[in-house]
Every structure is written in C-alpha cells, then in structure tokens.
Amino acid sequence: MQLLIDNGTARYRIRGYTANSVTVNDIELVRSFIITPDRLIADWAPRTIADITTEQMRLVLELMPDLVLLGTGQSTQFPCATVRAAVLGLGIGLEAMDTASACRAYGVLTSEGRNIAAAILMPDAAA
C-alpha cells in the first residue's frame, strides 16, 4: 500500500509497504529496521519477535523516543516481559502492532511532530 501522508519536516518518511518490504523515502527495505523522523538504521538484527532482547532494544532506546512502535509482521506479537519492562522502566511507551499498522501510525505521529521511533521486523527477510 502506498502512503501519502505529509510528514512535515521529517527527513525519513515511510512511503509505502507490502508484506515483504517497506519503502522509506526512495529506499526499499527488506530487512528489519529502525526509523525516526531524523534517523534510519537500515539493518536491525532481529528478524522475529523471539529475537528481540533488551540488548537488541537498546539501539532503539538510545534514540530516546517518547514512544516506540514495534511492527511485528503480518500479525501483532508482543515482546517478552523483560523487554517490555526495560522499555517502560525508562518511561518510554511501547506499542506492538502488525507492520501495516505501525507504518500508518508512524506517518500520523510523525506528521504531528511526535518524538517517536518505529522498530519494524521483517520476519520473511533472508538472514
């Protein structure tokens, strides 16, 4: 699906998504990634929800967002309690949702000028 939301001054915008890829600006990403309005980390190591550890989340948390959107593929899955506690313990919100919803929410929240990060899992990507 192609998205047409104007993200204001955001440097990195999610332009569209399919079941196997997400387009950020003009870059088609097929591996897990982290995006904020000002930063793109195009190859985040986790591929599945089971791969997400507190160590893997540290890269996201170092960006100090107010909210992390966790896109978990075609269905919503939740990280383990230890990961959730680590995020919430820093006063950072965590919303797990399917990737399509995470892409749409990123666009809306970025257009509102919110301090967010989206961590998008691409489970079907080759390791």
N, C-alpha and C. Protein backbone atom coordinates (compact mmCIF):
# COMPACT_ATOMS: atom_id res chain seq x y z
N MET A 1 0.84 -1.17 0.00
CA MET A 1 0.00 0.00 0.00
C MET A 1 0.89 1.24 0.00
N GLN A 2 0.54 2.20 -0.79
CA GLN A 2 1.27 3.45 -0.84
C GLN A 2 0.63 4.42 0.15
N LEU A 3 1.48 5.14 0.90
CA LEU A 3 1.00 6.13 1.86
C LEU A 3 1.27 7.52 1.31
N LEU A 4 0.37 8.44 1.57
CA LEU A 4 0.52 9.79 1.05
C LEU A 4 0.48 10.85 2.14
N ILE A 5 0.71 10.47 3.38
CA ILE A 5 0.68 11.42 4.48
C ILE A 5 1.89 12.35 4.40
N ASP A 6 1.66 13.64 4.58
CA ASP A 6 2.74 14.61 4.62
C ASP A 6 3.30 14.63 6.03
N ASN A 7 4.56 14.27 6.17
CA ASN A 7 5.20 14.19 7.47
C ASN A 7 5.91 15.48 7.86
N GLY A 8 5.51 16.59 7.29
CA GLY A 8 6.11 17.87 7.67
C GLY A 8 7.58 17.92 7.38
N THR A 9 8.37 18.12 8.41
CA THR A 9 9.81 18.29 8.23
C THR A 9 10.61 17.02 8.45
N ALA A 10 9.96 15.89 8.60
CA ALA A 10 10.67 14.63 8.83
C ALA A 10 11.61 14.32 7.68
N ARG A 11 12.82 13.95 8.01
CA ARG A 11 13.80 13.57 7.00
C ARG A 11 13.48 12.18 6.43
N TYR A 12 12.98 11.29 7.29
CA TYR A 12 12.67 9.92 6.86
C TYR A 12 11.18 9.67 6.95
N ARG A 13 10.61 9.31 5.82
CA ARG A 13 9.17 9.08 5.70
C ARG A 13 8.92 7.68 5.16
N ILE A 14 7.94 7.01 5.71
CA ILE A 14 7.52 5.73 5.15
C ILE A 14 6.55 6.05 4.02
N ARG A 15 6.93 5.67 2.81
CA ARG A 15 6.14 5.99 1.61
C ARG A 15 5.19 4.88 1.21
N GLY A 16 5.48 3.64 1.64
CA GLY A 16 4.61 2.53 1.29
C GLY A 16 5.11 1.26 1.92
N TYR A 17 4.30 0.22 1.84
CA TYR A 17 4.67 -1.07 2.40
C TYR A 17 3.93 -2.18 1.68
N THR A 18 4.55 -3.36 1.69
CA THR A 18 3.93 -4.59 1.22
C THR A 18 4.20 -5.63 2.30
N ALA A 19 3.78 -6.85 2.07
CA ALA A 19 4.05 -7.92 3.04
C ALA A 19 5.54 -8.21 3.17
N ASN A 20 6.34 -7.85 2.14
CA ASN A 20 7.76 -8.20 2.13
C ASN A 20 8.72 -7.03 2.15
N SER A 21 8.21 -5.80 2.12
CA SER A 21 9.11 -4.66 2.08
C SER A 21 8.41 -3.40 2.60
N VAL A 22 9.24 -2.45 2.98
CA VAL A 22 8.76 -1.12 3.36
C VAL A 22 9.61 -0.12 2.60
N THR A 23 8.97 0.88 2.03
CA THR A 23 9.70 1.91 1.31
C THR A 23 9.83 3.14 2.18
N VAL A 24 11.08 3.50 2.48
CA VAL A 24 11.40 4.71 3.25
C VAL A 24 12.04 5.67 2.27
N ASN A 25 11.42 6.85 2.13
CA ASN A 25 11.83 7.79 1.08
C ASN A 25 11.81 7.03 -0.24
N ASP A 26 12.95 6.84 -0.89
CA ASP A 26 13.00 6.09 -2.14
C ASP A 26 13.75 4.77 -1.98
N ILE A 27 13.92 4.31 -0.73
CA ILE A 27 14.70 3.10 -0.45
C ILE A 27 13.73 1.96 -0.08
N GLU A 28 13.82 0.86 -0.79
CA GLU A 28 13.00 -0.31 -0.46
C GLU A 28 13.78 -1.17 0.53
N LEU A 29 13.21 -1.35 1.72
CA LEU A 29 13.86 -2.13 2.77
C LEU A 29 13.21 -3.49 2.90
N VAL A 30 14.03 -4.54 2.93
CA VAL A 30 13.51 -5.90 3.08
C VAL A 30 14.06 -6.56 4.35
N ARG A 31 14.87 -5.85 5.09
CA ARG A 31 15.40 -6.34 6.36
C ARG A 31 14.84 -5.47 7.48
N SER A 32 14.83 -5.99 8.68
CA SER A 32 14.33 -5.24 9.83
C SER A 32 15.08 -3.92 9.95
N PHE A 33 14.38 -2.88 10.42
CA PHE A 33 14.99 -1.56 10.51
C PHE A 33 14.36 -0.75 11.62
N ILE A 34 15.03 0.36 11.94
CA ILE A 34 14.55 1.33 12.92
C ILE A 34 14.48 2.67 12.21
N ILE A 35 13.39 3.39 12.44
CA ILE A 35 13.23 4.69 11.81
C ILE A 35 12.71 5.70 12.83
N THR A 36 13.26 6.90 12.75
CA THR A 36 12.73 8.06 13.47
C THR A 36 12.59 9.15 12.42
N PRO A 37 11.99 10.26 12.75
CA PRO A 37 11.89 11.32 11.75
C PRO A 37 13.27 11.81 11.25
N ASP A 38 14.31 11.62 12.05
CA ASP A 38 15.64 12.13 11.69
C ASP A 38 16.69 11.07 11.46
N ARG A 39 16.34 9.79 11.61
CA ARG A 39 17.37 8.75 11.52
C ARG A 39 16.77 7.47 10.97
N LEU A 40 17.59 6.77 10.17
CA LEU A 40 17.22 5.47 9.64
C LEU A 40 18.37 4.51 9.92
N ILE A 41 18.07 3.44 10.61
CA ILE A 41 19.03 2.35 10.82
C ILE A 41 18.49 1.20 9.98
N ALA A 42 19.10 1.02 8.82
CA ALA A 42 18.52 0.20 7.76
C ALA A 42 18.71 -1.30 7.94
N ASP A 43 19.46 -1.75 8.91
CA ASP A 43 19.64 -3.19 9.09
C ASP A 43 19.70 -3.50 10.58
N TRP A 44 18.54 -3.65 11.19
CA TRP A 44 18.43 -4.00 12.61
C TRP A 44 18.44 -5.52 12.69
N ALA A 45 19.19 -6.09 13.60
CA ALA A 45 19.44 -7.53 13.64
C ALA A 45 18.21 -8.42 13.84
N PRO A 46 17.27 -8.11 14.73
CA PRO A 46 16.17 -9.06 14.95
C PRO A 46 15.33 -9.30 13.69
N ARG A 47 14.90 -10.55 13.51
CA ARG A 47 14.04 -10.89 12.38
C ARG A 47 12.66 -11.33 12.86
N THR A 48 12.59 -11.84 14.10
CA THR A 48 11.33 -12.31 14.67
C THR A 48 11.18 -11.72 16.07
N ILE A 49 10.00 -11.81 16.61
CA ILE A 49 9.74 -11.30 17.95
C ILE A 49 10.62 -12.02 18.97
N ALA A 50 10.90 -13.30 18.75
CA ALA A 50 11.75 -14.06 19.67
C ALA A 50 13.20 -13.57 19.67
N ASP A 51 13.61 -12.89 18.59
CA ASP A 51 14.98 -12.36 18.50
C ASP A 51 15.16 -11.07 19.30
N ILE A 52 14.08 -10.46 19.73
CA ILE A 52 14.20 -9.17 20.42
C ILE A 52 14.54 -9.40 21.88
N THR A 53 15.71 -8.89 22.26
CA THR A 53 16.19 -8.94 23.64
C THR A 53 16.35 -7.51 24.13
N THR A 54 16.62 -7.35 25.40
CA THR A 54 16.87 -6.00 25.91
C THR A 54 18.08 -5.40 25.22
N GLU A 55 19.05 -6.22 24.87
CA GLU A 55 20.23 -5.73 24.15
C GLU A 55 19.85 -5.22 22.77
N GLN A 56 18.99 -5.95 22.06
CA GLN A 56 18.54 -5.51 20.74
C GLN A 56 17.72 -4.22 20.84
N MET A 57 16.92 -4.09 21.89
CA MET A 57 16.10 -2.89 22.07
C MET A 57 16.94 -1.68 22.47
N ARG A 58 18.12 -1.91 23.01
CA ARG A 58 18.96 -0.79 23.44
C ARG A 58 19.22 0.19 22.30
N LEU A 59 19.41 -0.31 21.11
CA LEU A 59 19.65 0.57 19.95
C LEU A 59 18.48 1.51 19.72
N VAL A 60 17.27 1.01 19.92
CA VAL A 60 16.08 1.84 19.78
C VAL A 60 16.00 2.83 20.95
N LEU A 61 16.21 2.34 22.15
CA LEU A 61 16.04 3.16 23.34
C LEU A 61 17.08 4.28 23.44
N GLU A 62 18.26 4.06 22.88
CA GLU A 62 19.29 5.11 22.87
C GLU A 62 18.86 6.33 22.08
N LEU A 63 17.88 6.18 21.22
CA LEU A 63 17.35 7.30 20.44
C LEU A 63 16.42 8.18 21.29
N MET A 64 16.07 7.71 22.48
CA MET A 64 15.25 8.43 23.46
C MET A 64 13.91 8.91 22.91
N PRO A 65 13.16 8.01 22.27
CA PRO A 65 11.82 8.40 21.83
C PRO A 65 10.86 8.43 23.02
N ASP A 66 9.75 9.10 22.86
CA ASP A 66 8.68 9.04 23.85
C ASP A 66 7.87 7.76 23.68
N LEU A 67 7.87 7.24 22.44
CA LEU A 67 7.07 6.08 22.10
C LEU A 67 7.80 5.25 21.05
N VAL A 68 7.78 3.93 21.24
CA VAL A 68 8.32 3.00 20.24
C VAL A 68 7.16 2.24 19.64
N LEU A 69 7.04 2.29 18.32
CA LEU A 69 6.09 1.47 17.58
C LEU A 69 6.85 0.23 17.13
N LEU A 70 6.37 -0.93 17.51
CA LEU A 70 7.03 -2.18 17.14
C LEU A 70 6.17 -2.89 16.11
N GLY A 71 6.62 -2.90 14.86
CA GLY A 71 5.92 -3.58 13.78
C GLY A 71 6.37 -5.03 13.73
N THR A 72 5.43 -5.96 13.87
CA THR A 72 5.80 -7.37 14.06
C THR A 72 5.39 -8.28 12.90
N GLY A 73 5.32 -7.75 11.71
CA GLY A 73 4.98 -8.59 10.56
C GLY A 73 3.49 -8.54 10.26
N GLN A 74 2.95 -9.64 9.77
CA GLN A 74 1.55 -9.65 9.33
C GLN A 74 0.56 -9.78 10.48
N SER A 75 1.03 -10.13 11.66
CA SER A 75 0.14 -10.19 12.82
C SER A 75 0.83 -9.54 14.02
N THR A 76 0.03 -9.12 14.97
CA THR A 76 0.57 -8.49 16.16
C THR A 76 1.12 -9.55 17.10
N GLN A 77 2.35 -9.33 17.53
CA GLN A 77 3.01 -10.19 18.51
C GLN A 77 3.64 -9.28 19.55
N PHE A 78 3.88 -9.81 20.72
CA PHE A 78 4.39 -8.99 21.81
C PHE A 78 5.75 -9.48 22.27
N PRO A 79 6.67 -8.55 22.57
CA PRO A 79 7.97 -8.97 23.09
C PRO A 79 7.82 -9.54 24.50
N CYS A 80 8.83 -10.24 24.95
CA CYS A 80 8.78 -10.85 26.28
C CYS A 80 8.66 -9.78 27.36
N ALA A 81 8.26 -10.21 28.54
CA ALA A 81 8.03 -9.30 29.67
C ALA A 81 9.29 -8.54 30.05
N THR A 82 10.44 -9.16 29.93
CA THR A 82 11.70 -8.49 30.28
C THR A 82 11.95 -7.29 29.37
N VAL A 83 11.71 -7.46 28.09
CA VAL A 83 11.88 -6.36 27.13
C VAL A 83 10.86 -5.26 27.41
N ARG A 84 9.62 -5.63 27.60
CA ARG A 84 8.58 -4.63 27.90
C ARG A 84 8.93 -3.84 29.15
N ALA A 85 9.40 -4.53 30.19
CA ALA A 85 9.76 -3.86 31.44
C ALA A 85 10.94 -2.91 31.25
N ALA A 86 11.91 -3.31 30.44
CA ALA A 86 13.07 -2.44 30.20
C ALA A 86 12.66 -1.15 29.52
N VAL A 87 11.76 -1.24 28.55
CA VAL A 87 11.29 -0.06 27.83
C VAL A 87 10.46 0.83 28.75
N LEU A 88 9.47 0.23 29.39
CA LEU A 88 8.58 1.00 30.26
C LEU A 88 9.31 1.58 31.47
N GLY A 89 10.35 0.88 31.93
CA GLY A 89 11.15 1.36 33.06
C GLY A 89 11.87 2.66 32.76
N LEU A 90 12.08 2.95 31.50
CA LEU A 90 12.71 4.21 31.09
C LEU A 90 11.67 5.29 30.83
N GLY A 91 10.41 4.98 31.04
CA GLY A 91 9.36 5.95 30.79
C GLY A 91 9.02 6.11 29.32
N ILE A 92 9.39 5.11 28.52
CA ILE A 92 9.13 5.13 27.08
C ILE A 92 7.95 4.21 26.80
N GLY A 93 6.99 4.68 26.04
CA GLY A 93 5.85 3.85 25.67
C GLY A 93 6.24 2.83 24.62
N LEU A 94 5.54 1.71 24.61
CA LEU A 94 5.79 0.65 23.64
C LEU A 94 4.45 0.15 23.12
N GLU A 95 4.27 0.22 21.81
CA GLU A 95 3.05 -0.27 21.17
C GLU A 95 3.44 -1.29 20.11
N ALA A 96 3.07 -2.54 20.35
CA ALA A 96 3.30 -3.60 19.36
C ALA A 96 2.07 -3.69 18.47
N MET A 97 2.31 -3.85 17.18
CA MET A 97 1.21 -3.96 16.21
C MET A 97 1.74 -4.57 14.93
N ASP A 98 0.83 -4.99 14.06
CA ASP A 98 1.28 -5.52 12.78
C ASP A 98 2.02 -4.41 12.02
N THR A 99 2.84 -4.80 11.08
CA THR A 99 3.69 -3.84 10.37
C THR A 99 2.89 -2.79 9.61
N ALA A 100 1.80 -3.18 8.98
CA ALA A 100 0.99 -2.19 8.24
C ALA A 100 0.49 -1.11 9.19
N SER A 101 -0.01 -1.50 10.35
CA SER A 101 -0.48 -0.53 11.34
C SER A 101 0.65 0.35 11.85
N ALA A 102 1.82 -0.25 12.07
CA ALA A 102 2.97 0.52 12.55
C ALA A 102 3.40 1.56 11.51
N CYS A 103 3.37 1.20 10.24
CA CYS A 103 3.73 2.15 9.18
C CYS A 103 2.75 3.32 9.14
N ARG A 104 1.46 3.01 9.23
CA ARG A 104 0.46 4.08 9.22
C ARG A 104 0.58 4.96 10.46
N ALA A 105 0.76 4.35 11.63
CA ALA A 105 0.87 5.12 12.87
C ALA A 105 2.12 6.00 12.85
N TYR A 106 3.21 5.48 12.30
CA TYR A 106 4.44 6.28 12.18
C TYR A 106 4.16 7.54 11.37
N GLY A 107 3.48 7.40 10.25
CA GLY A 107 3.19 8.55 9.42
C GLY A 107 2.33 9.58 10.13
N VAL A 108 1.29 9.13 10.81
CA VAL A 108 0.41 10.06 11.52
C VAL A 108 1.15 10.76 12.65
N LEU A 109 1.84 9.98 13.48
CA LEU A 109 2.52 10.57 14.65
C LEU A 109 3.68 11.48 14.24
N THR A 110 4.37 11.12 13.17
CA THR A 110 5.46 11.98 12.68
C THR A 110 4.90 13.30 12.16
N SER A 111 3.76 13.23 11.47
CA SER A 111 3.17 14.46 10.94
C SER A 111 2.72 15.39 12.07
N GLU A 112 2.47 14.82 13.25
CA GLU A 112 2.10 15.62 14.42
C GLU A 112 3.32 16.14 15.17
N GLY A 113 4.52 15.79 14.69
CA GLY A 113 5.74 16.26 15.34
C GLY A 113 6.11 15.49 16.59
N ARG A 114 5.57 14.28 16.75
CA ARG A 114 5.84 13.47 17.94
C ARG A 114 7.24 12.89 17.89
N ASN A 115 7.83 12.70 19.07
CA ASN A 115 9.16 12.11 19.23
C ASN A 115 9.00 10.59 19.30
N ILE A 116 9.01 9.95 18.14
CA ILE A 116 8.76 8.51 18.08
C ILE A 116 9.87 7.78 17.35
N ALA A 117 9.90 6.48 17.57
CA ALA A 117 10.75 5.57 16.80
C ALA A 117 9.88 4.39 16.42
N ALA A 118 10.09 3.88 15.22
CA ALA A 118 9.43 2.66 14.80
C ALA A 118 10.50 1.61 14.57
N ALA A 119 10.33 0.46 15.19
CA ALA A 119 11.22 -0.68 15.00
C ALA A 119 10.41 -1.72 14.25
N ILE A 120 10.79 -1.96 13.01
CA ILE A 120 9.99 -2.80 12.12
C ILE A 120 10.71 -4.11 11.85
N LEU A 121 10.06 -5.22 12.25
CA LEU A 121 10.60 -6.55 11.97
C LEU A 121 10.20 -6.98 10.57
N MET A 122 11.13 -7.55 9.87
CA MET A 122 10.86 -8.10 8.54
C MET A 122 11.13 -9.61 8.65
N PRO A 123 10.19 -10.36 9.21
CA PRO A 123 10.43 -11.78 9.52
C PRO A 123 10.74 -12.66 8.33
N ASP A 124 10.24 -12.31 7.16
CA ASP A 124 10.46 -13.15 6.00
C ASP A 124 11.76 -12.86 5.26
N ALA A 125 12.49 -11.85 5.73
CA ALA A 125 13.74 -11.50 5.06
C ALA A 125 14.78 -12.56 5.30
N ALA A 126 15.60 -12.79 4.30
CA ALA A 126 16.71 -13.74 4.45
C ALA A 126 17.71 -13.18 5.44
N ALA A 127 18.21 -14.03 6.28
CA ALA A 127 19.19 -13.58 7.29
C ALA A 127 20.54 -13.34 6.69
